[in-house]
Amino acid sequence: MLPTELLIFRVKAGLVEPRRLKPTTQNLALAQTLIGAFEAHIGKRRFELDDELRTLEAGRQDFKVLRGLAHLLTNLGTFEAAGPVEPGVVRARVFELAQAGVPSRRTTTLVLEQAGRSLGLERPLSPDELTAALYADLPDQQTLVAFEPPAPLELIHRYDLAQAQGTLYRASELVITARRNEPARYKQLLKYLKFFGLMATVEGDANLGFTLTLDGPASLFGQTTRYGLSMAKFLPALLHVTKWDLSATLRPRRDLAWVDPADTEWSFQLTSEDGYVSHYAPPQEHDSALESGFAERFAKLDTPWQLEREVDLVPVPGGVILPDFRLVQGERSVLVEIVGYWRPEYLRKKFELLRKAGRRDVIVCVSERLNLERAGVDPSDFGDRVVWFKGVLNPRDVLALAERYAVREGE
């Protein structure tokens, strides 16, 4: 992500358009030059790298682009206080010795020599080593100890996405329409919403798609940097959903002279067709070893039932559920939800949503290791549609209930 001062955008008829870089030969060369500069400064102090970056941006009208790219590369590096001794220990020892005498050039040398003898583990530290370690923990004195270089095109993709992420800092509301396509991706989307602590209202159905409305960091309850950061981090996760539209309402920037003072709000629009590239890992096929193990054991059975991972969202009052699997045989099908997580809050919410769904074609598989009573959960709402298991969920037990509770489409 980029800080506010490095965001570049224009506003046209109230619509915000963040700056994007085309993968031209010139831009790719600039990205490669910056990547090379970081690689060449591994093992060197940060101020030396900053000097090199200032030299590169000198005389360039697009210096903010260069600074933005450099900012992203900085986040890919690891800066540490190098040296044989922790700087705080060096300072404490040197200052203690210095207080014993009158400041002078000769005293300085003697103090450093004495400190070097007392702080060296296998050999005395030289005055130069001590001088270098004295303030090595300050930001500009830290050493670039590791750097993961991206490809030039990857860096440009990150820059484009970072500009879009920065735009969301000022969102008062964000509405996402996830159209019906690859339903399993929705589950990953909901997981990211929860992971980043974003509040969302979910409406819709499997046929028309789902609309997620999120309060932004600039909503009526007050702007918070932390919430804006979470929303920005969420955007790369959204890119893994195959078909969506995003509409954000933004608070205009009053600190910019060119902004029309009559503007009361801006709008930011994105779709899955805009070509942004996520640097987050794509969602895994299964959420847990429990689910993947069940799928592997099921695949070994000789059965006419098919196990589907792609399951539609099931809307319920106050939220949605996305069952783990669906068993299908001809026109009959039944949903399968596996509950193996132990946190009481999770169990209460999971069973409450399943109960609200009111579906009779849901089989609930519950680990006997879970203390449902302690969590305040009563599984009797699901009658004998519950499969209890110890450690390993036997697919034959699930199939036995599927034969009894599967429904035909439209029933």
Protein backbone atom coordinates (compact mmCIF):
# COMPACT_ATOMS: atom_id res chain seq x y z
CA MET A 1 0.00 0.00 0.00
CA LEU A 2 1.00 3.60 -0.47
CA PRO A 3 0.81 6.50 1.99
CA THR A 4 -1.49 9.39 1.16
CA GLU A 5 1.30 11.65 -0.10
CA LEU A 6 2.22 9.14 -2.81
CA LEU A 7 -1.29 8.61 -4.14
CA ILE A 8 -1.84 9.95 -7.65
CA PHE A 9 -5.35 10.29 -8.99
CA ARG A 10 -7.71 12.53 -10.88
CA VAL A 11 -11.35 13.28 -10.36
CA LYS A 12 -13.61 13.44 -13.39
CA ALA A 13 -17.28 14.28 -12.83
CA GLY A 14 -16.98 13.09 -9.25
CA LEU A 15 -15.41 9.78 -10.27
CA VAL A 16 -11.96 9.04 -8.84
CA GLU A 17 -9.46 7.45 -11.22
CA PRO A 18 -6.23 6.27 -9.53
CA ARG A 19 -3.00 6.44 -11.51
CA ARG A 20 -2.07 3.22 -13.30
CA LEU A 21 1.17 2.36 -15.02
CA LYS A 22 1.16 0.74 -18.41
CA PRO A 23 3.75 -2.02 -18.80
CA THR A 24 5.67 -0.02 -21.38
CA THR A 25 9.34 -0.58 -22.08
CA GLN A 26 10.11 2.65 -20.24
CA ASN A 27 8.13 1.74 -17.12
CA LEU A 28 9.51 -1.80 -17.03
CA ALA A 29 13.03 -0.38 -17.31
CA LEU A 30 12.35 2.01 -14.41
CA ALA A 31 11.04 -0.87 -12.30
CA GLN A 32 14.11 -2.96 -13.13
CA THR A 33 16.45 -0.07 -12.27
CA LEU A 34 14.84 0.32 -8.84
CA ILE A 35 14.88 -3.40 -8.16
CA GLY A 36 18.56 -3.47 -9.09
CA ALA A 37 19.28 -0.59 -6.71
CA PHE A 38 17.76 -2.48 -3.80
CA GLU A 39 19.65 -5.67 -4.69
CA ALA A 40 22.92 -3.74 -4.88
CA HIS A 41 22.39 -2.32 -1.39
CA ILE A 42 21.89 -5.57 0.47
CA GLY A 43 24.30 -5.40 3.40
CA LYS A 44 24.46 -1.59 3.27
CA ARG A 45 22.92 1.13 5.43
CA ARG A 46 19.52 2.53 4.58
CA PHE A 47 20.79 6.10 4.15
CA GLU A 48 23.06 4.86 1.35
CA LEU A 49 20.06 3.37 -0.43
CA ASP A 50 18.08 6.57 0.12
CA ASP A 51 20.94 8.58 -1.41
CA GLU A 52 20.85 6.33 -4.47
CA LEU A 53 17.07 6.72 -4.80
CA ARG A 54 17.35 10.52 -4.56
CA THR A 55 19.93 10.44 -7.34
CA LEU A 56 17.60 8.39 -9.52
CA GLU A 57 14.63 10.72 -9.05
CA ALA A 58 16.60 13.93 -9.61
CA GLY A 59 15.15 15.91 -12.51
CA ARG A 60 12.25 13.50 -13.11
CA GLN A 61 8.77 14.97 -13.37
CA ASP A 62 7.30 11.60 -12.39
CA PHE A 63 9.30 11.45 -9.15
CA LYS A 64 6.16 10.49 -7.19
CA VAL A 65 5.87 7.35 -9.31
CA LEU A 66 9.47 6.47 -8.52
CA ARG A 67 8.92 7.11 -4.83
CA GLY A 68 5.80 4.96 -4.89
CA LEU A 69 7.64 2.06 -6.53
CA ALA A 70 10.52 2.47 -4.06
CA HIS A 71 8.07 2.47 -1.15
CA LEU A 72 6.65 -0.87 -2.28
CA LEU A 73 10.14 -2.32 -2.69
CA THR A 74 11.08 -1.10 0.78
CA ASN A 75 8.22 -3.17 2.16
CA LEU A 76 9.76 -6.22 0.49
CA GLY A 77 13.07 -5.67 2.27
CA THR A 78 14.17 -6.41 5.82
CA PHE A 79 16.08 -3.70 7.64
CA GLU A 80 17.83 -4.53 10.88
CA ALA A 81 20.33 -2.99 13.26
CA ALA A 82 23.46 -4.80 12.13
CA GLY A 83 26.53 -5.26 14.27
CA PRO A 84 27.93 -7.68 16.86
CA VAL A 85 26.24 -5.97 19.84
CA GLU A 86 22.77 -4.52 20.33
CA PRO A 87 22.98 -0.68 19.92
CA GLY A 88 21.23 0.01 23.22
CA VAL A 89 23.88 -2.01 25.08
CA VAL A 90 26.66 -0.18 23.24
CA ARG A 91 25.19 3.23 24.09
CA ALA A 92 24.74 2.35 27.76
CA ARG A 93 28.34 1.16 28.11
CA VAL A 94 29.93 4.02 26.13
CA PHE A 95 27.91 6.75 27.88
CA GLU A 96 28.70 5.23 31.28
CA LEU A 97 32.44 5.32 30.57
CA ALA A 98 32.27 8.80 29.01
CA GLN A 99 30.74 10.29 32.15
CA ALA A 100 33.86 9.36 34.11
CA GLY A 101 36.13 11.83 32.30
CA VAL A 102 36.32 15.22 30.63
CA PRO A 103 35.22 15.16 26.98
CA SER A 104 38.13 15.31 24.55
CA ARG A 105 39.30 13.62 21.37
CA ARG A 106 41.80 11.50 23.31
CA THR A 107 39.17 10.55 25.89
CA THR A 108 36.83 9.47 23.11
CA THR A 109 39.41 7.07 21.75
CA LEU A 110 40.14 5.66 25.20
CA VAL A 111 36.45 5.23 26.00
CA LEU A 112 35.81 3.37 22.73
CA GLU A 113 38.82 1.12 23.29
CA GLN A 114 37.73 0.35 26.85
CA ALA A 115 34.15 -0.28 25.78
CA GLY A 116 35.36 -2.49 22.92
CA ARG A 117 37.30 -4.67 25.34
CA SER A 118 34.36 -5.07 27.69
CA LEU A 119 31.70 -5.73 25.02
CA GLY A 120 33.64 -8.05 22.70
CA LEU A 121 32.81 -11.68 23.26
CA GLU A 122 35.65 -13.44 21.43
CA ARG A 123 37.82 -10.41 20.66
CA PRO A 124 37.82 -6.71 21.51
CA LEU A 125 35.61 -4.60 19.26
CA SER A 126 37.41 -1.91 17.33
CA PRO A 127 36.48 1.79 17.74
CA ASP A 128 35.10 1.77 14.18
CA GLU A 129 32.85 -1.20 14.97
CA LEU A 130 31.58 0.49 18.10
CA THR A 131 30.98 3.79 16.30
CA ALA A 132 28.99 1.96 13.63
CA ALA A 133 26.95 0.08 16.24
CA LEU A 134 26.27 3.09 18.45
CA TYR A 135 23.15 4.24 16.55
CA ALA A 136 22.64 1.30 14.19
CA ASP A 137 19.01 0.96 15.30
CA LEU A 138 17.96 4.36 13.95
CA PRO A 139 15.91 4.02 10.73
CA ASP A 140 18.48 5.55 8.37
CA GLN A 141 21.32 3.58 9.99
CA GLN A 142 19.67 0.20 9.72
CA THR A 143 21.08 -2.31 7.26
CA LEU A 144 19.17 -3.95 4.42
CA VAL A 145 19.77 -7.58 5.37
CA ALA A 146 17.27 -9.28 3.03
CA PHE A 147 15.26 -8.38 -0.04
CA GLU A 148 12.80 -10.39 -2.12
CA PRO A 149 13.02 -8.90 -5.61
CA PRO A 150 9.81 -8.99 -7.64
CA ALA A 151 9.76 -9.13 -11.42
CA PRO A 152 9.42 -5.67 -13.02
CA LEU A 153 5.90 -6.42 -14.28
CA GLU A 154 4.90 -7.70 -10.83
CA LEU A 155 6.10 -4.44 -9.30
CA ILE A 156 3.98 -2.45 -11.74
CA HIS A 157 0.95 -4.58 -10.90
CA ARG A 158 1.55 -3.95 -7.20
CA TYR A 159 1.84 -0.24 -7.83
CA ASP A 160 -1.51 -0.13 -9.66
CA LEU A 161 -3.20 -2.09 -6.89
CA ALA A 162 -1.59 0.04 -4.18
CA GLN A 163 -3.04 3.18 -5.78
CA ALA A 164 -6.49 1.60 -5.73
CA GLN A 165 -6.01 0.45 -2.12
CA GLY A 166 -5.01 3.93 -1.04
CA THR A 167 -8.19 5.32 -2.55
CA LEU A 168 -10.25 3.21 -0.14
CA TYR A 169 -8.76 4.97 2.88
CA ARG A 170 -11.42 7.67 2.48
CA ALA A 171 -14.39 5.43 1.83
CA SER A 172 -17.58 6.04 3.76
CA GLU A 173 -19.33 3.06 2.24
CA LEU A 174 -18.31 0.22 0.01
CA VAL A 175 -20.76 -1.96 -1.89
CA ILE A 176 -19.66 -5.18 -3.55
CA THR A 177 -21.88 -7.14 -5.89
CA ALA A 178 -20.59 -10.67 -6.31
CA ARG A 179 -22.39 -12.19 -9.25
CA ARG A 180 -23.23 -15.86 -9.45
CA ASN A 181 -20.04 -17.50 -10.56
CA GLU A 182 -17.73 -20.03 -8.93
CA PRO A 183 -19.59 -19.99 -5.61
CA ALA A 184 -16.70 -21.52 -3.67
CA ARG A 185 -14.85 -18.24 -4.12
CA TYR A 186 -17.50 -16.51 -2.03
CA LYS A 187 -16.47 -18.45 1.01
CA GLN A 188 -12.94 -17.18 0.71
CA LEU A 189 -14.31 -13.66 0.34
CA LEU A 190 -16.35 -13.98 3.53
CA LYS A 191 -13.35 -15.38 5.36
CA TYR A 192 -11.27 -12.36 4.39
CA LEU A 193 -14.04 -10.02 5.53
CA LYS A 194 -13.95 -11.67 8.91
CA PHE A 195 -10.16 -11.86 9.00
CA PHE A 196 -9.77 -8.12 8.44
CA GLY A 197 -12.55 -7.29 10.90
CA LEU A 198 -14.80 -5.62 8.33
CA MET A 199 -18.49 -5.18 9.05
CA ALA A 200 -20.72 -6.24 6.17
CA THR A 201 -24.40 -6.67 5.47
CA VAL A 202 -25.10 -9.47 3.00
CA GLU A 203 -28.20 -9.56 0.81
CA GLY A 204 -29.23 -11.47 -2.27
CA ASP A 205 -29.61 -15.01 -3.43
CA ALA A 206 -27.74 -17.60 -5.41
CA ASN A 207 -29.54 -16.81 -8.68
CA LEU A 208 -29.11 -13.03 -8.77
CA GLY A 209 -25.86 -12.80 -6.84
CA PHE A 210 -25.00 -11.29 -3.48
CA THR A 211 -24.52 -7.69 -2.41
CA LEU A 212 -22.14 -6.95 0.45
CA THR A 213 -22.37 -3.51 1.99
CA LEU A 214 -19.43 -2.42 4.13
CA ASP A 215 -19.16 0.64 6.32
CA GLY A 216 -16.01 2.50 5.43
CA PRO A 217 -13.45 4.21 7.68
CA ALA A 218 -15.02 7.61 6.87
CA SER A 219 -18.57 6.58 7.74
CA LEU A 220 -20.69 8.29 10.34
CA PHE A 221 -19.18 6.43 13.23
CA GLY A 222 -15.90 8.24 12.66
CA GLN A 223 -12.81 7.78 10.54
CA THR A 224 -10.21 5.36 11.77
CA THR A 225 -6.90 4.65 10.09
CA ARG A 226 -6.98 1.08 11.27
CA TYR A 227 -10.31 0.36 9.60
CA GLY A 228 -9.19 2.05 6.38
CA LEU A 229 -6.08 -0.09 6.41
CA SER A 230 -8.18 -3.23 6.81
CA MET A 231 -10.36 -2.22 3.90
CA ALA A 232 -7.31 -1.60 1.74
CA LYS A 233 -5.85 -4.99 2.68
CA PHE A 234 -9.14 -6.61 1.77
CA LEU A 235 -9.02 -5.47 -1.88
CA PRO A 236 -6.38 -8.01 -3.07
CA ALA A 237 -8.55 -10.78 -1.61
CA LEU A 238 -11.55 -9.57 -3.58
CA LEU A 239 -9.57 -9.97 -6.80
CA HIS A 240 -9.72 -13.75 -6.34
CA VAL A 241 -13.50 -13.68 -6.76
CA THR A 242 -14.21 -14.17 -10.42
CA LYS A 243 -17.06 -11.72 -11.16
CA TRP A 244 -17.81 -8.67 -9.07
CA ASP A 245 -18.45 -4.95 -9.07
CA LEU A 246 -17.26 -2.55 -6.38
CA SER A 247 -18.66 0.89 -5.72
CA ALA A 248 -17.16 3.07 -3.01
CA THR A 249 -18.38 6.42 -1.76
CA LEU A 250 -15.42 8.62 -0.84
CA ARG A 251 -14.90 11.73 1.19
CA PRO A 252 -13.30 14.46 -1.03
CA ARG A 253 -9.75 15.56 -0.28
CA ARG A 254 -9.98 19.10 1.11
CA ASP A 255 -6.21 19.39 1.44
CA LEU A 256 -5.69 19.61 -2.34
CA ALA A 257 -5.98 23.02 -4.01
CA TRP A 258 -7.39 21.66 -7.27
CA VAL A 259 -10.33 19.92 -5.63
CA ASP A 260 -13.69 21.53 -6.39
CA PRO A 261 -15.01 22.83 -3.04
CA ALA A 262 -18.54 22.10 -4.26
CA ASP A 263 -17.83 18.38 -4.28
CA THR A 264 -19.59 16.69 -1.37
CA GLU A 265 -18.62 13.15 -2.23
CA TRP A 266 -16.62 11.19 -4.75
CA SER A 267 -17.18 7.78 -6.20
CA PHE A 268 -14.70 4.99 -6.92
CA GLN A 269 -15.73 2.15 -9.21
CA LEU A 270 -13.98 -1.14 -9.83
CA THR A 271 -14.95 -4.37 -11.54
CA SER A 272 -13.36 -7.75 -11.96
CA GLU A 273 -12.68 -6.78 -15.59
CA ASP A 274 -10.31 -3.90 -14.72
CA GLY A 275 -7.22 -6.08 -14.82
CA TYR A 276 -5.87 -5.57 -11.32
CA VAL A 277 -3.61 -8.41 -10.16
CA SER A 278 -3.63 -9.75 -6.61
CA HIS A 279 -0.42 -10.68 -4.85
CA TYR A 280 -2.32 -12.75 -2.27
CA ALA A 281 -2.12 -16.51 -2.63
CA PRO A 282 -5.21 -17.95 -4.35
CA PRO A 283 -7.70 -19.68 -2.08
CA GLN A 284 -7.03 -23.27 -1.26
CA GLU A 285 -9.40 -25.94 -2.47
CA HIS A 286 -10.25 -26.95 1.09
CA ASP A 287 -10.35 -24.88 4.26
CA SER A 288 -8.97 -27.55 6.56
CA ALA A 289 -7.32 -30.94 6.72
CA LEU A 290 -10.65 -32.27 8.01
CA GLU A 291 -12.41 -31.30 4.79
CA SER A 292 -9.62 -32.43 2.48
CA GLY A 293 -9.39 -35.77 4.31
CA PHE A 294 -13.13 -36.30 3.94
CA ALA A 295 -12.93 -35.54 0.21
CA GLU A 296 -10.02 -37.97 -0.26
CA ARG A 297 -11.83 -40.80 1.52
CA PHE A 298 -15.02 -40.11 -0.40
CA ALA A 299 -13.15 -40.33 -3.73
CA LYS A 300 -12.19 -43.93 -2.91
CA LEU A 301 -15.81 -45.06 -2.48
CA ASP A 302 -17.77 -46.86 -5.16
CA THR A 303 -20.96 -44.82 -4.99
CA PRO A 304 -23.34 -43.13 -7.45
CA TRP A 305 -23.23 -39.99 -5.28
CA GLN A 306 -21.05 -37.12 -6.44
CA LEU A 307 -19.27 -34.87 -3.96
CA GLU A 308 -19.32 -31.24 -5.09
CA ARG A 309 -17.16 -28.52 -3.63
CA GLU A 310 -18.84 -25.72 -5.57
CA VAL A 311 -21.81 -24.92 -3.31
CA ASP A 312 -24.02 -21.84 -3.52
CA LEU A 313 -24.34 -19.40 -0.66
CA VAL A 314 -27.44 -20.05 1.40
CA PRO A 315 -28.96 -16.77 2.64
CA VAL A 316 -30.27 -16.69 6.19
CA PRO A 317 -31.59 -13.80 8.29
CA GLY A 318 -28.57 -11.81 9.39
CA GLY A 319 -26.02 -13.49 7.17
CA VAL A 320 -25.24 -16.33 4.85
CA ILE A 321 -23.82 -19.80 5.13
CA LEU A 322 -21.77 -21.59 2.54
CA PRO A 323 -21.89 -25.32 3.20
CA ASP A 324 -18.66 -27.24 2.80
CA PHE A 325 -20.00 -29.81 0.32
CA ARG A 326 -23.04 -30.93 -1.61
CA LEU A 327 -23.83 -34.56 -2.37
CA VAL A 328 -25.62 -35.04 -5.68
CA GLN A 329 -27.25 -38.09 -7.25
CA GLY A 330 -29.31 -37.35 -10.32
CA GLU A 331 -31.84 -34.67 -9.40
CA ARG A 332 -31.44 -35.25 -5.68
CA SER A 333 -28.96 -33.38 -3.51
CA VAL A 334 -28.14 -32.67 0.11
CA LEU A 335 -25.81 -30.14 1.75
CA VAL A 336 -23.00 -31.18 4.10
CA GLU A 337 -21.58 -28.92 6.78
CA ILE A 338 -18.56 -30.07 8.79
CA VAL A 339 -18.09 -28.50 12.21
CA GLY A 340 -14.66 -29.16 13.61
CA TYR A 341 -13.66 -25.80 15.06
CA TRP A 342 -13.67 -25.44 18.80
CA ARG A 343 -14.21 -21.80 19.76
CA PRO A 344 -17.52 -21.41 21.61
CA GLU A 345 -18.40 -18.17 19.76
CA TYR A 346 -17.86 -19.90 16.43
CA LEU A 347 -19.96 -22.89 17.44
CA ARG A 348 -22.84 -20.72 18.67
CA LYS A 349 -22.87 -18.63 15.50
CA LYS A 350 -22.50 -21.63 13.21
CA PHE A 351 -25.39 -23.55 14.73
CA GLU A 352 -27.56 -20.44 14.97
CA LEU A 353 -27.11 -19.73 11.25
CA LEU A 354 -27.81 -23.35 10.37
CA ARG A 355 -30.96 -23.25 12.48
CA LYS A 356 -32.11 -19.98 10.89
CA ALA A 357 -31.56 -21.41 7.43
CA GLY A 358 -34.44 -23.79 8.14
CA ARG A 359 -33.15 -26.21 5.52
CA ARG A 360 -34.10 -29.84 5.96
CA ASP A 361 -31.54 -30.94 3.39
CA VAL A 362 -28.50 -30.11 5.53
CA ILE A 363 -26.42 -32.79 7.22
CA VAL A 364 -24.29 -31.48 10.09
CA CYS A 365 -21.10 -33.38 10.91
CA VAL A 366 -19.80 -32.63 14.40
CA SER A 367 -16.62 -33.72 16.12
CA GLU A 368 -17.26 -35.45 19.44
CA ARG A 369 -14.27 -33.55 20.79
CA LEU A 370 -16.27 -30.31 20.74
CA ASN A 371 -17.89 -29.32 23.98
CA LEU A 372 -21.24 -28.16 22.58
CA GLU A 373 -22.87 -27.97 25.99
CA ARG A 374 -20.17 -25.63 27.27
CA ALA A 375 -20.63 -23.49 24.14
CA GLY A 376 -24.36 -23.28 24.82
CA VAL A 377 -25.26 -25.21 21.66
CA ASP A 378 -28.14 -27.67 21.49
CA PRO A 379 -27.77 -29.91 18.40
CA SER A 380 -31.24 -31.39 18.93
CA ASP A 381 -32.62 -28.83 16.43
CA PHE A 382 -31.14 -31.00 13.72
CA GLY A 383 -32.56 -34.29 15.00
CA ASP A 384 -30.88 -37.29 13.48
CA ARG A 385 -29.36 -35.19 10.67
CA VAL A 386 -26.21 -34.98 12.81
CA VAL A 387 -23.20 -37.21 12.13
CA TRP A 388 -20.89 -37.51 15.14
CA PHE A 389 -17.29 -38.46 14.50
CA LYS A 390 -14.02 -38.89 16.38
CA GLY A 391 -11.07 -37.41 14.53
CA VAL A 392 -11.93 -38.95 11.13
CA LEU A 393 -15.25 -38.36 9.40
CA ASN A 394 -16.41 -41.54 7.66
CA PRO A 395 -18.09 -40.67 4.32
CA ARG A 396 -20.27 -43.79 4.56
CA ASP A 397 -21.99 -42.34 7.63
CA VAL A 398 -22.75 -39.17 5.67
CA LEU A 399 -24.02 -41.13 2.66
CA ALA A 400 -26.41 -43.06 4.90
CA LEU A 401 -28.11 -39.81 5.90
CA ALA A 402 -27.93 -38.45 2.35
CA GLU A 403 -30.17 -41.30 1.19
CA ARG A 404 -32.79 -40.20 3.73
CA TYR A 405 -32.63 -36.41 3.50
CA ALA A 406 -31.69 -35.58 -0.09
CA VAL A 407 -34.33 -33.51 -1.88
CA ARG A 408 -35.13 -32.98 -5.53
CA GLU A 409 -34.59 -29.58 -7.08
CA GLY A 410 -37.58 -27.33 -6.42
CA GLU A 411 -38.89 -29.32 -3.47
